[in-house]
Amino acid sequence: LHQSSLGSLFLIVPSKLSQLWYTPLLPVMFFLSAIAVGPAMVIVESNLSCRAFGRGLESDLLAGLGKATSVALFLYLFVKVADLLVRGAWTRLLTPTMSSGFFWVEIVLGVLLPAVLLSQRSVREDPKSLFRAALLVIGGVVLNRFNVSMIGMWAYTGPTYIPTIGEILVSLSLVLGGIAAFGVIAKFLPVFGEACHYPENA
């Protein structure tokens, strides 16, 4: 619901946001993509935790999450394409601009490719392949948010904003603080089950 509200925020700029991303369905788009990235994030975090703490990797559970992610991505892609066709905005994809380039990267590498990969059992059952496909999903959603908030607005605002060192450090400190907190919790509380090392071939 937070993601849906975030999408709603951009409904106030219909004349400023590129029509490749602006749509009355923005809250729905943000919500559907959040559904897809949720299981993908669990897959990535599970793999990283397994490597960092030498604990069990629940491969069967993660494979199921990979399948769910694939279904969510295909649903998101269907709604996205249908929306572009109904609004007639698909013609902008044929114009070689920076916005269309970023859009193609977002959709092909961040949605279509991982959706196809995660639909294959061989990928879902291989921890290394599953991890990489999940990373693509996360990258695609991050790129989508970047495109909506930055690239899609550049035609109106111009690329004038660059984060300051202070802003970058604050963002990094929040992320690193969360990682450190999780490390302490995982070390002193029974978060994981019995120890089980990460597969050697992964």
Protein backbone atom coordinates (compact mmCIF):
# COMPACT_ATOMS: atom_id res chain seq x y z
CA LEU A 1 0.00 0.00 0.00
CA HIS A 2 2.96 2.29 0.60
CA GLN A 3 4.09 1.67 -2.97
CA SER A 4 0.59 2.32 -4.28
CA SER A 5 0.54 5.64 -2.41
CA LEU A 6 3.94 6.49 -3.86
CA GLY A 7 2.55 5.93 -7.35
CA SER A 8 -0.43 8.13 -6.51
CA LEU A 9 1.96 10.97 -5.73
CA PHE A 10 2.90 11.29 -9.39
CA LEU A 11 -0.70 11.62 -10.52
CA ILE A 12 -0.41 15.34 -9.78
CA VAL A 13 2.09 15.90 -12.63
CA PRO A 14 0.30 14.71 -15.79
CA SER A 15 1.86 17.44 -17.95
CA LYS A 16 5.37 17.03 -16.52
CA LEU A 17 5.91 13.27 -16.44
CA SER A 18 6.61 11.47 -19.72
CA GLN A 19 3.59 9.67 -21.13
CA LEU A 20 5.66 6.49 -21.21
CA TRP A 21 5.20 6.34 -17.44
CA TYR A 22 2.35 8.68 -16.62
CA THR A 23 -0.97 6.87 -16.44
CA PRO A 24 -4.04 7.01 -14.19
CA LEU A 25 -3.04 3.44 -13.30
CA LEU A 26 0.25 4.51 -11.69
CA PRO A 27 -0.88 3.38 -8.20
CA VAL A 28 -1.80 -0.01 -9.66
CA MET A 29 1.52 -0.23 -11.53
CA PHE A 30 3.50 0.54 -8.39
CA PHE A 31 1.47 -1.98 -6.40
CA LEU A 32 1.88 -4.79 -8.95
CA SER A 33 5.62 -4.21 -9.28
CA ALA A 34 5.93 -4.22 -5.48
CA ILE A 35 4.19 -7.62 -5.39
CA ALA A 36 6.80 -8.92 -7.85
CA VAL A 37 9.81 -7.46 -6.07
CA GLY A 38 8.76 -8.72 -2.61
CA PRO A 39 9.51 -12.43 -3.22
CA ALA A 40 12.58 -11.49 -5.27
CA MET A 41 13.94 -9.52 -2.32
CA VAL A 42 13.38 -12.50 -0.02
CA ILE A 43 15.35 -14.68 -2.46
CA VAL A 44 18.26 -12.23 -2.54
CA GLU A 45 18.28 -11.67 1.21
CA SER A 46 18.11 -15.41 1.90
CA ASN A 47 21.11 -16.04 -0.34
CA LEU A 48 23.13 -13.22 1.23
CA SER A 49 22.22 -14.36 4.75
CA CYS A 50 23.17 -17.92 3.90
CA ARG A 51 26.58 -16.80 2.65
CA ALA A 52 27.19 -14.39 5.51
CA PHE A 53 26.06 -16.58 8.41
CA GLY A 54 26.60 -20.08 7.01
CA ARG A 55 22.98 -21.01 7.59
CA GLY A 56 20.42 -23.03 5.68
CA LEU A 57 19.15 -22.08 2.25
CA GLU A 58 15.56 -23.28 1.86
CA SER A 59 15.80 -24.04 -1.84
CA ASP A 60 12.29 -25.48 -2.23
CA LEU A 61 10.70 -22.44 -0.62
CA LEU A 62 12.81 -20.03 -2.68
CA ALA A 63 11.95 -21.89 -5.88
CA GLY A 64 8.27 -21.38 -5.07
CA LEU A 65 8.90 -17.69 -4.51
CA GLY A 66 10.65 -17.56 -7.87
CA LYS A 67 7.59 -19.00 -9.57
CA ALA A 68 5.33 -16.51 -7.82
CA THR A 69 7.63 -13.69 -8.93
CA SER A 70 7.39 -14.86 -12.53
CA VAL A 71 3.58 -14.84 -12.42
CA ALA A 72 3.56 -11.38 -10.85
CA LEU A 73 5.97 -10.06 -13.49
CA PHE A 74 3.90 -11.40 -16.38
CA LEU A 75 0.76 -9.83 -14.85
CA TYR A 76 2.59 -6.51 -14.45
CA LEU A 77 3.87 -6.70 -18.03
CA PHE A 78 0.37 -7.43 -19.37
CA VAL A 79 -1.14 -4.44 -17.56
CA LYS A 80 1.78 -2.24 -18.65
CA VAL A 81 1.47 -3.14 -22.34
CA ALA A 82 -2.33 -2.90 -22.29
CA ASP A 83 -2.12 0.55 -20.71
CA LEU A 84 0.34 1.79 -23.34
CA LEU A 85 -1.87 0.50 -26.14
CA VAL A 86 -5.10 1.96 -24.74
CA ARG A 87 -3.51 5.38 -24.16
CA GLY A 88 -1.72 5.34 -27.52
CA ALA A 89 1.58 6.04 -25.79
CA TRP A 90 3.27 3.02 -27.39
CA THR A 91 4.24 5.18 -30.40
CA ARG A 92 6.73 7.02 -28.17
CA LEU A 93 8.68 3.79 -27.87
CA LEU A 94 9.54 4.02 -31.56
CA THR A 95 11.22 7.41 -31.15
CA PRO A 96 14.93 7.15 -30.27
CA THR A 97 15.04 9.32 -27.15
CA MET A 98 16.70 8.90 -23.78
CA SER A 99 13.30 8.25 -22.20
CA SER A 100 12.41 5.48 -24.62
CA GLY A 101 15.86 3.94 -24.18
CA PHE A 102 15.51 3.81 -20.41
CA PHE A 103 11.99 2.43 -20.81
CA TRP A 104 13.19 -0.42 -23.03
CA VAL A 105 15.98 -1.29 -20.60
CA GLU A 106 13.51 -1.28 -17.71
CA ILE A 107 11.00 -3.53 -19.45
CA VAL A 108 13.33 -5.95 -21.25
CA LEU A 109 16.01 -6.46 -18.58
CA GLY A 110 13.95 -5.75 -15.48
CA VAL A 111 10.62 -7.40 -16.35
CA LEU A 112 10.55 -9.62 -19.44
CA LEU A 113 13.93 -11.37 -19.04
CA PRO A 114 13.53 -12.29 -15.35
CA ALA A 115 9.89 -13.30 -15.94
CA VAL A 116 10.98 -15.75 -18.64
CA LEU A 117 13.94 -17.02 -16.60
CA LEU A 118 11.91 -17.58 -13.45
CA SER A 119 9.22 -19.43 -15.41
CA GLN A 120 11.78 -22.19 -16.06
CA ARG A 121 12.14 -24.88 -13.41
CA SER A 122 15.83 -25.35 -14.17
CA VAL A 123 16.49 -21.72 -13.23
CA ARG A 124 14.37 -21.86 -10.07
CA GLU A 125 16.07 -25.03 -8.85
CA ASP A 126 19.58 -23.64 -9.32
CA PRO A 127 20.41 -21.28 -6.39
CA LYS A 128 22.90 -19.25 -8.41
CA SER A 129 20.55 -18.72 -11.39
CA LEU A 130 17.62 -17.98 -9.10
CA PHE A 131 19.69 -15.39 -7.23
CA ARG A 132 20.73 -13.64 -10.44
CA ALA A 133 17.19 -13.58 -11.82
CA ALA A 134 15.94 -12.09 -8.54
CA LEU A 135 18.62 -9.40 -8.78
CA LEU A 136 17.27 -8.49 -12.22
CA VAL A 137 13.79 -8.07 -10.76
CA ILE A 138 15.06 -5.79 -8.01
CA GLY A 139 17.11 -3.80 -10.51
CA GLY A 140 14.08 -3.44 -12.77
CA VAL A 141 11.87 -2.06 -10.00
CA VAL A 142 14.60 0.31 -8.82
CA LEU A 143 15.03 1.51 -12.41
CA ASN A 144 11.27 1.98 -12.74
CA ARG A 145 11.17 4.21 -9.69
CA PHE A 146 14.20 6.11 -11.00
CA ASN A 147 12.56 6.51 -14.41
CA VAL A 148 9.31 7.80 -12.96
CA SER A 149 10.91 10.22 -10.52
CA MET A 150 13.88 11.38 -12.62
CA ILE A 151 14.17 10.36 -16.28
CA GLY A 152 10.48 10.79 -17.02
CA MET A 153 10.60 14.34 -15.63
CA TRP A 154 13.74 15.53 -17.42
CA ALA A 155 11.88 16.76 -20.49
CA TYR A 156 10.16 19.26 -18.18
CA THR A 157 12.76 20.02 -15.52
CA GLY A 158 16.05 19.25 -17.26
CA PRO A 159 18.71 17.03 -15.64
CA THR A 160 19.75 19.63 -13.09
CA TYR A 161 19.56 17.75 -9.79
CA ILE A 162 22.60 15.87 -8.49
CA PRO A 163 22.55 14.47 -4.93
CA THR A 164 25.06 16.04 -2.58
CA ILE A 165 27.67 14.02 -0.72
CA GLY A 166 25.69 14.53 2.48
CA GLU A 167 22.51 13.12 0.92
CA ILE A 168 24.39 10.12 -0.44
CA LEU A 169 26.02 9.45 2.93
CA VAL A 170 22.68 9.67 4.76
CA SER A 171 21.13 7.14 2.35
CA LEU A 172 24.11 4.79 2.67
CA SER A 173 24.10 5.05 6.46
CA LEU A 174 20.44 4.00 6.59
CA VAL A 175 21.13 0.95 4.44
CA LEU A 176 24.30 -0.01 6.33
CA GLY A 177 22.56 0.54 9.65
CA GLY A 178 19.82 -1.88 8.64
CA ILE A 179 22.38 -4.48 7.57
CA ALA A 180 24.29 -4.10 10.84
CA ALA A 181 21.10 -4.40 12.88
CA PHE A 182 20.11 -7.57 11.05
CA GLY A 183 23.58 -9.00 11.60
CA VAL A 184 23.33 -8.47 15.35
CA ILE A 185 19.81 -9.91 15.49
CA ALA A 186 20.80 -12.97 13.44
CA LYS A 187 23.82 -13.59 15.65
CA PHE A 188 22.11 -13.43 19.03
CA LEU A 189 18.52 -14.51 18.29
CA PRO A 190 17.24 -17.81 16.82
CA VAL A 191 16.46 -16.39 13.39
CA PHE A 192 17.81 -19.35 11.43
CA GLY A 193 17.47 -23.10 11.83
CA GLU A 194 20.28 -25.61 11.77
CA ALA A 195 23.47 -24.62 10.00
CA CYS A 196 23.71 -25.67 6.36
CA HIS A 197 26.39 -24.36 4.07
CA TYR A 198 25.65 -22.70 0.73
CA PRO A 199 25.88 -25.14 -2.22
CA GLU A 200 29.46 -25.42 -3.43
CA ASN A 201 28.57 -24.92 -7.10
CA ALA A 202 26.70 -21.68 -6.37
